[in-house]
């Protein structure tokens, strides 16, 4: 089993901000949508659809707490990625896992979604 894709569903102006952000930060490509897909965008990494952005005005604060904490991506080029975040003045936190040497970077999208970028040891 593997995670197929993530979906972010929000009003059009927020989705457009998320799209621009994710394309910029992760070098994703605005790709093809199926004829049955909801209005919005599919963002690709290479030939794989990874992020589905859909337009929706039906979102409001929930009465129940949300439990999904973050979405994580495995990347390469730690130094280049950090520089990209610094150049864009994006707040981020870096953690090192001593046992594995793996480095993690946590940061937020414009709408507040928490993301994690994982990098294998050097």
C-alpha atoms as a PDB file:
ATOM      1  CA  UNK A   1       0.000   0.000   0.000  1.00  0.00           C
ATOM      2  CA  UNK A   2       1.090   3.590  -0.563  1.00  0.00           C
ATOM      3  CA  UNK A   3      -0.477   7.009  -0.251  1.00  0.00           C
ATOM      4  CA  UNK A   4      -1.979   7.889  -3.632  1.00  0.00           C
ATOM      5  CA  UNK A   5      -2.477  11.648  -3.277  1.00  0.00           C
ATOM      6  CA  UNK A   6      -3.654  14.375  -0.944  1.00  0.00           C
ATOM      7  CA  UNK A   7      -6.626  16.667  -1.485  1.00  0.00           C
ATOM      8  CA  UNK A   8      -7.035  20.238  -0.357  1.00  0.00           C
ATOM      9  CA  UNK A   9     -10.534  21.588  -0.784  1.00  0.00           C
ATOM     10  CA  UNK A  10     -11.212  25.286  -0.179  1.00  0.00           C
ATOM     11  CA  UNK A  11     -12.598  28.462  -1.748  1.00  0.00           C
ATOM     12  CA  UNK A  12     -11.087  29.425  -5.108  1.00  0.00           C
ATOM     13  CA  UNK A  13      -8.841  32.231  -3.801  1.00  0.00           C
ATOM     14  CA  UNK A  14      -7.279  29.916  -1.206  1.00  0.00           C
ATOM     15  CA  UNK A  15      -6.832  27.090  -3.717  1.00  0.00           C
ATOM     16  CA  UNK A  16      -5.104  29.458  -6.131  1.00  0.00           C
ATOM     17  CA  UNK A  17      -2.692  30.516  -3.344  1.00  0.00           C
ATOM     18  CA  UNK A  18      -2.039  26.888  -2.379  1.00  0.00           C
ATOM     19  CA  UNK A  19      -1.439  25.971  -6.031  1.00  0.00           C
ATOM     20  CA  UNK A  20       1.120  28.743  -6.558  1.00  0.00           C
ATOM     21  CA  UNK A  21       2.837  27.909  -3.254  1.00  0.00           C
ATOM     22  CA  UNK A  22       3.082  24.148  -3.851  1.00  0.00           C
ATOM     23  CA  UNK A  23       4.313  24.595  -7.426  1.00  0.00           C
ATOM     24  CA  UNK A  24       6.956  27.043  -6.231  1.00  0.00           C
ATOM     25  CA  UNK A  25       8.147  25.156  -3.146  1.00  0.00           C
ATOM     26  CA  UNK A  26       8.034  21.584  -4.480  1.00  0.00           C
ATOM     27  CA  UNK A  27       8.567  22.253  -8.219  1.00  0.00           C
ATOM     28  CA  UNK A  28       5.263  20.543  -9.001  1.00  0.00           C
ATOM     29  CA  UNK A  29       3.564  20.831 -12.401  1.00  0.00           C
ATOM     30  CA  UNK A  30      -0.060  21.820 -13.034  1.00  0.00           C
ATOM     31  CA  UNK A  31      -1.177  18.721 -14.929  1.00  0.00           C
ATOM     32  CA  UNK A  32      -4.100  17.102 -16.637  1.00  0.00           C
ATOM     33  CA  UNK A  33      -7.394  16.393 -14.903  1.00  0.00           C
ATOM     34  CA  UNK A  34      -9.757  13.559 -15.680  1.00  0.00           C
ATOM     35  CA  UNK A  35     -13.139  14.431 -17.154  1.00  0.00           C
ATOM     36  CA  UNK A  36     -14.778  13.333 -13.883  1.00  0.00           C
ATOM     37  CA  UNK A  37     -12.529  15.400 -11.599  1.00  0.00           C
ATOM     38  CA  UNK A  38     -14.043  18.201  -9.545  1.00  0.00           C
ATOM     39  CA  UNK A  39     -13.208  21.750 -10.587  1.00  0.00           C
ATOM     40  CA  UNK A  40      -9.692  22.570  -9.494  1.00  0.00           C
ATOM     41  CA  UNK A  41      -6.190  21.361 -10.259  1.00  0.00           C
ATOM     42  CA  UNK A  42      -3.987  18.283 -10.196  1.00  0.00           C
ATOM     43  CA  UNK A  43      -0.360  18.945  -9.312  1.00  0.00           C
ATOM     44  CA  UNK A  44       2.170  16.412 -10.543  1.00  0.00           C
ATOM     45  CA  UNK A  45       5.666  15.376  -9.531  1.00  0.00           C
ATOM     46  CA  UNK A  46       7.061  13.879 -12.716  1.00  0.00           C
ATOM     47  CA  UNK A  47       4.299  11.719 -14.169  1.00  0.00           C
ATOM     48  CA  UNK A  48       2.564  11.097 -10.824  1.00  0.00           C
ATOM     49  CA  UNK A  49      -0.482  13.074  -9.689  1.00  0.00           C
ATOM     50  CA  UNK A  50       0.345  13.984  -6.099  1.00  0.00           C
ATOM     51  CA  UNK A  51      -1.853  16.883  -4.925  1.00  0.00           C
ATOM     52  CA  UNK A  52      -5.502  17.391  -5.870  1.00  0.00           C
ATOM     53  CA  UNK A  53      -6.813  20.912  -5.294  1.00  0.00           C
ATOM     54  CA  UNK A  54     -10.578  21.376  -5.498  1.00  0.00           C
ATOM     55  CA  UNK A  55     -12.756  24.456  -5.314  1.00  0.00           C
ATOM     56  CA  UNK A  56     -15.341  24.406  -2.530  1.00  0.00           C
ATOM     57  CA  UNK A  57     -17.230  27.089  -0.640  1.00  0.00           C
ATOM     58  CA  UNK A  58     -18.748  24.563   1.770  1.00  0.00           C
ATOM     59  CA  UNK A  59     -15.966  24.669   4.334  1.00  0.00           C
ATOM     60  CA  UNK A  60     -16.522  26.198   7.710  1.00  0.00           C
ATOM     61  CA  UNK A  61     -14.908  25.730  11.110  1.00  0.00           C
ATOM     62  CA  UNK A  62     -15.681  22.300  12.505  1.00  0.00           C
ATOM     63  CA  UNK A  63     -17.246  21.720  15.879  1.00  0.00           C
ATOM     64  CA  UNK A  64     -14.992  18.692  16.370  1.00  0.00           C
ATOM     65  CA  UNK A  65     -11.226  19.063  16.615  1.00  0.00           C
ATOM     66  CA  UNK A  66      -9.181  18.120  13.585  1.00  0.00           C
ATOM     67  CA  UNK A  67      -6.658  15.354  14.075  1.00  0.00           C
ATOM     68  CA  UNK A  68      -4.702  15.281  10.827  1.00  0.00           C
ATOM     69  CA  UNK A  69      -1.498  16.980  11.905  1.00  0.00           C
ATOM     70  CA  UNK A  70       0.573  17.208   8.733  1.00  0.00           C
ATOM     71  CA  UNK A  71       1.481  15.738   5.358  1.00  0.00           C
ATOM     72  CA  UNK A  72       5.081  14.640   4.727  1.00  0.00           C
ATOM     73  CA  UNK A  73       7.091  14.463   1.521  1.00  0.00           C
ATOM     74  CA  UNK A  74      10.423  12.708   0.890  1.00  0.00           C
ATOM     75  CA  UNK A  75      12.826  14.990  -0.961  1.00  0.00           C
ATOM     76  CA  UNK A  76      16.451  15.412  -1.952  1.00  0.00           C
ATOM     77  CA  UNK A  77      18.724  18.490  -1.824  1.00  0.00           C
ATOM     78  CA  UNK A  78      18.282  19.585   1.779  1.00  0.00           C
ATOM     79  CA  UNK A  79      20.477  22.690   1.379  1.00  0.00           C
ATOM     80  CA  UNK A  80      18.621  23.858  -1.726  1.00  0.00           C
ATOM     81  CA  UNK A  81      15.249  23.348  -0.063  1.00  0.00           C
ATOM     82  CA  UNK A  82      16.271  25.262   3.065  1.00  0.00           C
ATOM     83  CA  UNK A  83      17.544  28.094   0.872  1.00  0.00           C
ATOM     84  CA  UNK A  84      14.208  28.193  -0.961  1.00  0.00           C
ATOM     85  CA  UNK A  85      12.358  28.583   2.359  1.00  0.00           C
ATOM     86  CA  UNK A  86      14.803  31.266   3.556  1.00  0.00           C
ATOM     87  CA  UNK A  87      14.564  33.187   0.254  1.00  0.00           C
ATOM     88  CA  UNK A  88      10.773  33.250   0.620  1.00  0.00           C
ATOM     89  CA  UNK A  89      10.935  34.232   4.310  1.00  0.00           C
ATOM     90  CA  UNK A  90       8.963  31.126   5.307  1.00  0.00           C
ATOM     91  CA  UNK A  91       9.056  30.174   8.958  1.00  0.00           C
ATOM     92  CA  UNK A  92      10.302  26.627   9.377  1.00  0.00           C
ATOM     93  CA  UNK A  93      11.719  24.281  11.976  1.00  0.00           C
ATOM     94  CA  UNK A  94      14.443  21.709  11.331  1.00  0.00           C
ATOM     95  CA  UNK A  95      14.798  18.499  13.323  1.00  0.00           C
ATOM     96  CA  UNK A  96      17.572  15.913  13.155  1.00  0.00           C
ATOM     97  CA  UNK A  97      16.880  12.285  14.022  1.00  0.00           C
ATOM     98  CA  UNK A  98      20.172  11.164  15.610  1.00  0.00           C
ATOM     99  CA  UNK A  99      19.526   7.438  15.132  1.00  0.00           C
ATOM    100  CA  UNK A 100      19.105   7.697  11.351  1.00  0.00           C
ATOM    101  CA  UNK A 101      20.622  11.053  10.436  1.00  0.00           C
ATOM    102  CA  UNK A 102      17.358  11.954   8.726  1.00  0.00           C
ATOM    103  CA  UNK A 103      16.506  15.652   8.631  1.00  0.00           C
ATOM    104  CA  UNK A 104      12.954  16.984   8.790  1.00  0.00           C
ATOM    105  CA  UNK A 105      11.707  20.462   7.982  1.00  0.00           C
ATOM    106  CA  UNK A 106       8.271  21.585   9.171  1.00  0.00           C
ATOM    107  CA  UNK A 107       6.506  24.619   7.691  1.00  0.00           C
ATOM    108  CA  UNK A 108       3.008  25.805   6.707  1.00  0.00           C
ATOM    109  CA  UNK A 109       1.237  26.568   3.440  1.00  0.00           C
ATOM    110  CA  UNK A 110      -0.545  29.929   2.989  1.00  0.00           C
ATOM    111  CA  UNK A 111      -3.808  28.403   4.300  1.00  0.00           C
ATOM    112  CA  UNK A 112      -2.106  26.957   7.377  1.00  0.00           C
ATOM    113  CA  UNK A 113      -1.648  23.320   6.369  1.00  0.00           C
ATOM    114  CA  UNK A 114       1.399  21.913   8.144  1.00  0.00           C
ATOM    115  CA  UNK A 115       3.885  20.174   5.858  1.00  0.00           C
ATOM    116  CA  UNK A 116       6.975  18.115   6.539  1.00  0.00           C
ATOM    117  CA  UNK A 117       9.888  17.694   4.156  1.00  0.00           C
ATOM    118  CA  UNK A 118      12.086  14.654   4.890  1.00  0.00           C
ATOM    119  CA  UNK A 119      15.666  14.243   3.765  1.00  0.00           C
ATOM    120  CA  UNK A 120      17.840  11.139   4.147  1.00  0.00           C
ATOM    121  CA  UNK A 121      21.196  11.522   5.843  1.00  0.00           C
ATOM    122  CA  UNK A 122      23.972  13.077   3.783  1.00  0.00           C
END
